[in-house]
Amino acid sequence: MLRPAAEPGAPGRPAGKTRRRAGARWVVSTSVVTLFWFFFFTANASAWIATRRPVGLGVVALELVFAILFVTRRQPTAVSRKPLAWLVAPIGSFGMLAARPHFAPTGGHDLPFAVLQLGGTAAAVYCLFTLGRSFGIVAGNRGLQTRGPYRIVRHPIYACYLVVAVGYLLENPSHWNAVVVGAFMGAQVLRIREEESCLVEDPGYLAYRRRVQWRLVPFLF
């Protein structure tokens, strides 16, 4: 998950947070994410060979970026202890790894959806670069970020990720993928709520929220 507007790092421990250290749980979670990404990649690689087209290339690339960031992430000093935050974080971060290629592009043309995925991926990488060391998975406070795309919406990485997911679904329409994308989108909305509930006690975040009204999509949400 990504902390759009804030993440821990400030001195002291905010209320409702708990300190965590690397250990067996970190090793297991990292191994599981790596394994799921490998299965996702091999499924799409098989589709590439069968169709001779880079099916789902954007999602594969973006999930690889997130997997690398997850494996190399800095251990947080404080995170939310809410069960909902811990439930929606992995779904919102890696839920698309459950999607599977079903190449039958809507309208018969796959190029627009490939462009949608790759464009969303490029925008997400830019947002990640802007976010820098404030990257995280579970809701927390790792420091306020207001530069670049964070001047437009408070959660630009999630917006990019949804663009990529929709592009994948339109390129690979199936009932299963529709369920996966629906769950993924729902998890993102809940993630936003959990993240912002961790940040409301930060005066800097409250000022930022007054300046940037929209969470995900300007004039809509």
C-alpha atoms as a PDB file:
ATOM      1  CA  MET A   1       0.000   0.000   0.000  1.00  0.00           C
ATOM      2  CA  LEU A   2       1.097   3.549  -0.383  1.00  0.00           C
ATOM      3  CA  ARG A   3       0.714   6.420   1.988  1.00  0.00           C
ATOM      4  CA  PRO A   4      -0.455   9.251  -0.164  1.00  0.00           C
ATOM      5  CA  ALA A   5      -0.363  12.050   2.293  1.00  0.00           C
ATOM      6  CA  ALA A   6       1.479  10.737   5.261  1.00  0.00           C
ATOM      7  CA  GLU A   7       3.315   7.969   6.986  1.00  0.00           C
ATOM      8  CA  PRO A   8       5.024   7.408  10.303  1.00  0.00           C
ATOM      9  CA  GLY A   9       8.386   8.699  10.991  1.00  0.00           C
ATOM     10  CA  ALA A  10       7.674  11.507  13.396  1.00  0.00           C
ATOM     11  CA  PRO A  11       9.064  11.217  16.908  1.00  0.00           C
ATOM     12  CA  GLY A  12       6.840   9.555  19.440  1.00  0.00           C
ATOM     13  CA  ARG A  13       4.157   7.001  18.848  1.00  0.00           C
ATOM     14  CA  PRO A  14       0.764   8.208  17.593  1.00  0.00           C
ATOM     15  CA  ALA A  15      -2.291   6.881  19.421  1.00  0.00           C
ATOM     16  CA  GLY A  16      -3.643   3.669  17.945  1.00  0.00           C
ATOM     17  CA  LYS A  17      -0.265   2.619  16.544  1.00  0.00           C
ATOM     18  CA  THR A  18       2.164  -0.076  17.560  1.00  0.00           C
ATOM     19  CA  ARG A  19       5.889  -0.522  16.962  1.00  0.00           C
ATOM     20  CA  ARG A  20       7.014  -3.430  14.790  1.00  0.00           C
ATOM     21  CA  ARG A  21      10.331  -5.094  13.991  1.00  0.00           C
ATOM     22  CA  ALA A  22      11.513  -7.341  11.189  1.00  0.00           C
ATOM     23  CA  GLY A  23      11.303 -11.047  11.983  1.00  0.00           C
ATOM     24  CA  ALA A  24       9.739 -14.316  10.906  1.00  0.00           C
ATOM     25  CA  ARG A  25       6.459 -12.619   9.993  1.00  0.00           C
ATOM     26  CA  TRP A  26       8.288 -10.217   7.676  1.00  0.00           C
ATOM     27  CA  VAL A  27      10.174 -13.088   6.011  1.00  0.00           C
ATOM     28  CA  VAL A  28       6.989 -15.123   5.512  1.00  0.00           C
ATOM     29  CA  SER A  29       5.002 -12.195   4.104  1.00  0.00           C
ATOM     30  CA  THR A  30       7.817 -11.301   1.717  1.00  0.00           C
ATOM     31  CA  SER A  31       8.097 -14.909   0.527  1.00  0.00           C
ATOM     32  CA  VAL A  32       4.334 -15.165  -0.037  1.00  0.00           C
ATOM     33  CA  VAL A  33       4.214 -11.974  -2.105  1.00  0.00           C
ATOM     34  CA  THR A  34       7.185 -13.121  -4.187  1.00  0.00           C
ATOM     35  CA  LEU A  35       5.558 -16.506  -4.798  1.00  0.00           C
ATOM     36  CA  PHE A  36       2.210 -15.000  -5.831  1.00  0.00           C
ATOM     37  CA  TRP A  37       3.931 -12.597  -8.205  1.00  0.00           C
ATOM     38  CA  PHE A  38       5.811 -15.518  -9.773  1.00  0.00           C
ATOM     39  CA  PHE A  39       2.549 -17.430 -10.387  1.00  0.00           C
ATOM     40  CA  PHE A  40       0.954 -14.302 -11.828  1.00  0.00           C
ATOM     41  CA  PHE A  41       3.914 -13.696 -14.115  1.00  0.00           C
ATOM     42  CA  THR A  42       4.064 -17.287 -15.407  1.00  0.00           C
ATOM     43  CA  ALA A  43       0.317 -17.250 -16.172  1.00  0.00           C
ATOM     44  CA  ASN A  44       0.682 -14.080 -18.213  1.00  0.00           C
ATOM     45  CA  ALA A  45       3.919 -15.254 -19.847  1.00  0.00           C
ATOM     46  CA  SER A  46       2.064 -18.351 -21.056  1.00  0.00           C
ATOM     47  CA  ALA A  47      -0.586 -16.070 -22.554  1.00  0.00           C
ATOM     48  CA  TRP A  48       2.156 -14.031 -24.250  1.00  0.00           C
ATOM     49  CA  ILE A  49       3.458 -17.172 -25.927  1.00  0.00           C
ATOM     50  CA  ALA A  50      -0.013 -18.381 -26.917  1.00  0.00           C
ATOM     51  CA  THR A  51      -1.282 -15.054 -28.299  1.00  0.00           C
ATOM     52  CA  ARG A  52       2.065 -13.557 -29.324  1.00  0.00           C
ATOM     53  CA  ARG A  53       0.924 -10.388 -27.573  1.00  0.00           C
ATOM     54  CA  PRO A  54       2.103  -8.816 -24.287  1.00  0.00           C
ATOM     55  CA  VAL A  55      -1.155  -9.560 -22.451  1.00  0.00           C
ATOM     56  CA  GLY A  56      -1.398  -7.643 -19.184  1.00  0.00           C
ATOM     57  CA  LEU A  57       2.080  -6.191 -19.529  1.00  0.00           C
ATOM     58  CA  GLY A  58       1.180  -3.072 -17.572  1.00  0.00           C
ATOM     59  CA  VAL A  59      -0.167  -4.962 -14.570  1.00  0.00           C
ATOM     60  CA  VAL A  60       2.786  -7.361 -14.607  1.00  0.00           C
ATOM     61  CA  ALA A  61       5.225  -4.435 -14.625  1.00  0.00           C
ATOM     62  CA  LEU A  62       3.402  -2.527 -11.885  1.00  0.00           C
ATOM     63  CA  GLU A  63       3.053  -5.575  -9.661  1.00  0.00           C
ATOM     64  CA  LEU A  64       6.779  -6.210 -10.109  1.00  0.00           C
ATOM     65  CA  VAL A  65       7.529  -2.671  -8.935  1.00  0.00           C
ATOM     66  CA  PHE A  66       5.319  -3.128  -5.881  1.00  0.00           C
ATOM     67  CA  ALA A  67       6.812  -6.545  -5.122  1.00  0.00           C
ATOM     68  CA  ILE A  68      10.346  -5.121  -5.245  1.00  0.00           C
ATOM     69  CA  LEU A  69       9.367  -2.197  -3.025  1.00  0.00           C
ATOM     70  CA  PHE A  70       7.657  -4.579  -0.621  1.00  0.00           C
ATOM     71  CA  VAL A  71      10.685  -6.870  -0.381  1.00  0.00           C
ATOM     72  CA  THR A  72      13.111  -3.961   0.068  1.00  0.00           C
ATOM     73  CA  ARG A  73      10.822  -1.774   2.172  1.00  0.00           C
ATOM     74  CA  ARG A  74      11.957   0.015   5.304  1.00  0.00           C
ATOM     75  CA  GLN A  75      10.459  -1.422   8.478  1.00  0.00           C
ATOM     76  CA  PRO A  76       7.836   0.954   9.878  1.00  0.00           C
ATOM     77  CA  THR A  77       8.177   2.430  13.334  1.00  0.00           C
ATOM     78  CA  ALA A  78       4.403   2.602  13.832  1.00  0.00           C
ATOM     79  CA  VAL A  79       1.384   1.186  12.025  1.00  0.00           C
ATOM     80  CA  SER A  80      -2.350   0.930  12.553  1.00  0.00           C
ATOM     81  CA  ARG A  81      -3.560  -1.882  14.786  1.00  0.00           C
ATOM     82  CA  LYS A  82      -7.055  -1.957  13.269  1.00  0.00           C
ATOM     83  CA  PRO A  83      -7.987  -5.380  11.793  1.00  0.00           C
ATOM     84  CA  LEU A  84      -9.666  -3.724   8.791  1.00  0.00           C
ATOM     85  CA  ALA A  85      -6.475  -1.846   7.920  1.00  0.00           C
ATOM     86  CA  TRP A  86      -4.516  -5.113   7.948  1.00  0.00           C
ATOM     87  CA  LEU A  87      -7.187  -6.868   5.871  1.00  0.00           C
ATOM     88  CA  VAL A  88      -7.507  -4.340   3.047  1.00  0.00           C
ATOM     89  CA  ALA A  89      -3.791  -3.452   2.797  1.00  0.00           C
ATOM     90  CA  PRO A  90      -2.646  -6.700   1.095  1.00  0.00           C
ATOM     91  CA  ILE A  91      -5.779  -6.851  -1.078  1.00  0.00           C
ATOM     92  CA  GLY A  92      -5.270  -3.260  -2.198  1.00  0.00           C
ATOM     93  CA  SER A  93      -1.549  -3.771  -2.790  1.00  0.00           C
ATOM     94  CA  PHE A  94      -1.424  -7.218  -4.385  1.00  0.00           C
ATOM     95  CA  GLY A  95      -5.030  -8.172  -5.168  1.00  0.00           C
ATOM     96  CA  MET A  96      -4.437  -7.996  -8.919  1.00  0.00           C
ATOM     97  CA  LEU A  97      -2.061 -10.950  -8.626  1.00  0.00           C
ATOM     98  CA  ALA A  98      -5.242 -13.061  -8.460  1.00  0.00           C
ATOM     99  CA  ALA A  99      -6.282 -11.904 -11.960  1.00  0.00           C
ATOM    100  CA  ARG A 100      -5.620 -14.237 -14.880  1.00  0.00           C
ATOM    101  CA  PRO A 101      -5.160 -13.595 -18.615  1.00  0.00           C
ATOM    102  CA  HIS A 102      -8.257 -14.116 -20.760  1.00  0.00           C
ATOM    103  CA  PHE A 103      -7.295 -12.324 -23.940  1.00  0.00           C
ATOM    104  CA  ALA A 104     -10.502 -11.127 -25.621  1.00  0.00           C
ATOM    105  CA  PRO A 105     -10.136  -7.327 -25.725  1.00  0.00           C
ATOM    106  CA  THR A 106     -13.368  -5.376 -25.522  1.00  0.00           C
ATOM    107  CA  GLY A 107     -14.227  -4.078 -28.981  1.00  0.00           C
ATOM    108  CA  GLY A 108     -11.608  -6.334 -30.562  1.00  0.00           C
ATOM    109  CA  HIS A 109      -8.717  -3.900 -30.182  1.00  0.00           C
ATOM    110  CA  ASP A 110      -6.109  -4.479 -27.494  1.00  0.00           C
ATOM    111  CA  LEU A 111      -3.812  -1.493 -28.157  1.00  0.00           C
ATOM    112  CA  PRO A 112      -5.902   1.092 -26.230  1.00  0.00           C
ATOM    113  CA  PHE A 113      -5.952  -1.147 -23.164  1.00  0.00           C
ATOM    114  CA  ALA A 114      -2.232  -1.864 -23.379  1.00  0.00           C
ATOM    115  CA  VAL A 115      -1.610   1.891 -23.562  1.00  0.00           C
ATOM    116  CA  LEU A 116      -3.942   2.405 -20.590  1.00  0.00           C
ATOM    117  CA  GLN A 117      -1.997  -0.127 -18.532  1.00  0.00           C
ATOM    118  CA  LEU A 118       1.456   1.132 -19.482  1.00  0.00           C
ATOM    119  CA  GLY A 119       0.461   4.778 -19.072  1.00  0.00           C
ATOM    120  CA  GLY A 120      -0.991   4.057 -15.638  1.00  0.00           C
ATOM    121  CA  THR A 121       2.136   2.132 -14.696  1.00  0.00           C
ATOM    122  CA  ALA A 122       4.436   4.971 -15.769  1.00  0.00           C
ATOM    123  CA  ALA A 123       2.336   7.466 -13.797  1.00  0.00           C
ATOM    124  CA  ALA A 124       2.371   5.180 -10.730  1.00  0.00           C
ATOM    125  CA  VAL A 125       6.166   4.861 -10.879  1.00  0.00           C
ATOM    126  CA  TYR A 126       6.429   8.656 -11.012  1.00  0.00           C
ATOM    127  CA  CYS A 127       4.141   8.895  -7.968  1.00  0.00           C
ATOM    128  CA  LEU A 128       6.266   6.312  -6.152  1.00  0.00           C
ATOM    129  CA  PHE A 129       9.397   8.295  -6.963  1.00  0.00           C
ATOM    130  CA  THR A 130       7.716  11.401  -5.552  1.00  0.00           C
ATOM    131  CA  LEU A 131       6.594   9.485  -2.460  1.00  0.00           C
ATOM    132  CA  GLY A 132      10.117   8.229  -1.824  1.00  0.00           C
ATOM    133  CA  ARG A 133      10.762   6.701   1.594  1.00  0.00           C
ATOM    134  CA  SER A 134       7.165   7.245   2.685  1.00  0.00           C
ATOM    135  CA  PHE A 135       6.150   4.024   0.917  1.00  0.00           C
ATOM    136  CA  GLY A 136       4.295   1.541   3.112  1.00  0.00           C
ATOM    137  CA  ILE A 137       1.682  -1.214   3.087  1.00  0.00           C
ATOM    138  CA  VAL A 138      -0.490  -0.910   6.200  1.00  0.00           C
ATOM    139  CA  ALA A 139      -2.072   2.403   7.170  1.00  0.00           C
ATOM    140  CA  GLY A 140       0.248   4.585   9.219  1.00  0.00           C
ATOM    141  CA  ASN A 141       1.994   7.949   9.358  1.00  0.00           C
ATOM    142  CA  ARG A 142       5.397   8.083   7.627  1.00  0.00           C
ATOM    143  CA  GLY A 143       5.679  11.766   6.908  1.00  0.00           C
ATOM    144  CA  LEU A 144       3.629  14.238   4.888  1.00  0.00           C
ATOM    145  CA  GLN A 145       4.046  14.297   1.112  1.00  0.00           C
ATOM    146  CA  THR A 146       2.465  17.160  -0.855  1.00  0.00           C
ATOM    147  CA  ARG A 147       4.634  17.552  -3.977  1.00  0.00           C
ATOM    148  CA  GLY A 148       3.935  16.723  -7.615  1.00  0.00           C
ATOM    149  CA  PRO A 149       0.810  14.594  -8.173  1.00  0.00           C
ATOM    150  CA  TYR A 150      -0.069  14.946  -4.485  1.00  0.00           C
ATOM    151  CA  ARG A 151      -1.101  18.517  -5.292  1.00  0.00           C
ATOM    152  CA  ILE A 152      -3.935  17.158  -7.445  1.00  0.00           C
ATOM    153  CA  VAL A 153      -5.355  14.274  -5.392  1.00  0.00           C
ATOM    154  CA  ARG A 154      -4.393  12.901  -2.005  1.00  0.00           C
ATOM    155  CA  HIS A 155      -3.908   9.309  -3.231  1.00  0.00           C
ATOM    156  CA  PRO A 156      -2.524   9.511  -6.785  1.00  0.00           C
ATOM    157  CA  ILE A 157      -0.836   6.091  -6.703  1.00  0.00           C
ATOM    158  CA  TYR A 158      -4.144   4.392  -6.019  1.00  0.00           C
ATOM    159  CA  ALA A 159      -5.705   6.360  -8.874  1.00  0.00           C
ATOM    160  CA  CYS A 160      -2.979   5.117 -11.234  1.00  0.00           C
ATOM    161  CA  TYR A 161      -3.381   1.564  -9.984  1.00  0.00           C
ATOM    162  CA  LEU A 162      -7.125   1.618 -10.700  1.00  0.00           C
ATOM    163  CA  VAL A 163      -6.448   2.836 -14.252  1.00  0.00           C
ATOM    164  CA  VAL A 164      -4.075  -0.100 -14.776  1.00  0.00           C
ATOM    165  CA  ALA A 165      -6.584  -2.577 -13.292  1.00  0.00           C
ATOM    166  CA  VAL A 166      -9.418  -1.340 -15.532  1.00  0.00           C
ATOM    167  CA  GLY A 167      -7.134  -1.589 -18.557  1.00  0.00           C
ATOM    168  CA  TYR A 168      -6.321  -5.197 -17.655  1.00  0.00           C
ATOM    169  CA  LEU A 169     -10.002  -6.064 -17.193  1.00  0.00           C
ATOM    170  CA  LEU A 170     -10.995  -4.551 -20.546  1.00  0.00           C
ATOM    171  CA  GLU A 171      -8.162  -6.457 -22.223  1.00  0.00           C
ATOM    172  CA  ASN A 172      -8.967  -9.692 -20.356  1.00  0.00           C
ATOM    173  CA  PRO A 173     -12.714  -9.623 -19.660  1.00  0.00           C
ATOM    174  CA  SER A 174     -13.939 -12.559 -17.582  1.00  0.00           C
ATOM    175  CA  HIS A 175     -16.237 -13.068 -14.609  1.00  0.00           C
ATOM    176  CA  TRP A 176     -13.253 -13.965 -12.425  1.00  0.00           C
ATOM    177  CA  ASN A 177     -11.284 -10.867 -13.388  1.00  0.00           C
ATOM    178  CA  ALA A 178     -14.364  -8.689 -12.838  1.00  0.00           C
ATOM    179  CA  VAL A 179     -14.646 -10.054  -9.281  1.00  0.00           C
ATOM    180  CA  VAL A 180     -10.923  -9.508  -8.669  1.00  0.00           C
ATOM    181  CA  VAL A 181     -10.980  -5.917  -9.954  1.00  0.00           C
ATOM    182  CA  GLY A 182     -14.178  -5.179  -8.001  1.00  0.00           C
ATOM    183  CA  ALA A 183     -12.627  -6.463  -4.769  1.00  0.00           C
ATOM    184  CA  PHE A 184      -9.440  -4.582  -5.558  1.00  0.00           C
ATOM    185  CA  MET A 185     -11.286  -1.300  -6.054  1.00  0.00           C
ATOM    186  CA  GLY A 186     -13.326  -1.791  -2.903  1.00  0.00           C
ATOM    187  CA  ALA A 187     -10.147  -2.465  -0.939  1.00  0.00           C
ATOM    188  CA  GLN A 188      -8.601   0.754  -2.247  1.00  0.00           C
ATOM    189  CA  VAL A 189     -11.551   2.818  -1.023  1.00  0.00           C
ATOM    190  CA  LEU A 190     -11.381   1.189   2.418  1.00  0.00           C
ATOM    191  CA  ARG A 191      -7.619   1.668   2.467  1.00  0.00           C
ATOM    192  CA  ILE A 192      -8.035   5.365   1.873  1.00  0.00           C
ATOM    193  CA  ARG A 193     -10.466   5.595   4.787  1.00  0.00           C
ATOM    194  CA  GLU A 194      -8.102   3.699   7.099  1.00  0.00           C
ATOM    195  CA  GLU A 195      -5.068   5.736   6.075  1.00  0.00           C
ATOM    196  CA  GLU A 196      -6.818   9.029   6.550  1.00  0.00           C
ATOM    197  CA  SER A 197      -8.168   7.950   9.935  1.00  0.00           C
ATOM    198  CA  CYS A 198      -4.513   7.523  11.002  1.00  0.00           C
ATOM    199  CA  LEU A 199      -3.637  11.013   9.862  1.00  0.00           C
ATOM    200  CA  VAL A 200      -6.448  13.191  11.191  1.00  0.00           C
ATOM    201  CA  GLU A 201      -4.504  13.987  14.379  1.00  0.00           C
ATOM    202  CA  ASP A 202      -1.647  15.449  12.320  1.00  0.00           C
ATOM    203  CA  PRO A 203      -2.155  19.245  11.955  1.00  0.00           C
ATOM    204  CA  GLY A 204      -0.023  19.260   8.810  1.00  0.00           C
ATOM    205  CA  TYR A 205      -2.262  16.657   7.204  1.00  0.00           C
ATOM    206  CA  LEU A 206      -5.417  18.570   8.136  1.00  0.00           C
ATOM    207  CA  ALA A 207      -4.019  21.661   6.411  1.00  0.00           C
ATOM    208  CA  TYR A 208      -3.062  19.549   3.387  1.00  0.00           C
ATOM    209  CA  ARG A 209      -6.546  18.029   3.222  1.00  0.00           C
ATOM    210  CA  ARG A 210      -8.079  21.498   3.155  1.00  0.00           C
ATOM    211  CA  ARG A 211      -5.856  22.430   0.194  1.00  0.00           C
ATOM    212  CA  VAL A 212      -6.390  19.185  -1.752  1.00  0.00           C
ATOM    213  CA  GLN A 213     -10.053  18.301  -1.614  1.00  0.00           C
ATOM    214  CA  TRP A 214     -10.199  15.174  -3.754  1.00  0.00           C
ATOM    215  CA  ARG A 215      -8.973  11.760  -2.621  1.00  0.00           C
ATOM    216  CA  LEU A 216      -8.808   9.755  -5.847  1.00  0.00           C
ATOM    217  CA  VAL A 217     -10.569  11.395  -8.819  1.00  0.00           C
ATOM    218  CA  PRO A 218     -10.963  15.180  -9.139  1.00  0.00           C
ATOM    219  CA  PHE A 219     -14.588  16.363  -8.899  1.00  0.00           C
ATOM    220  CA  LEU A 220     -15.782  12.822  -8.188  1.00  0.00           C
ATOM    221  CA  PHE A 221     -14.176  11.316  -5.058  1.00  0.00           C
END
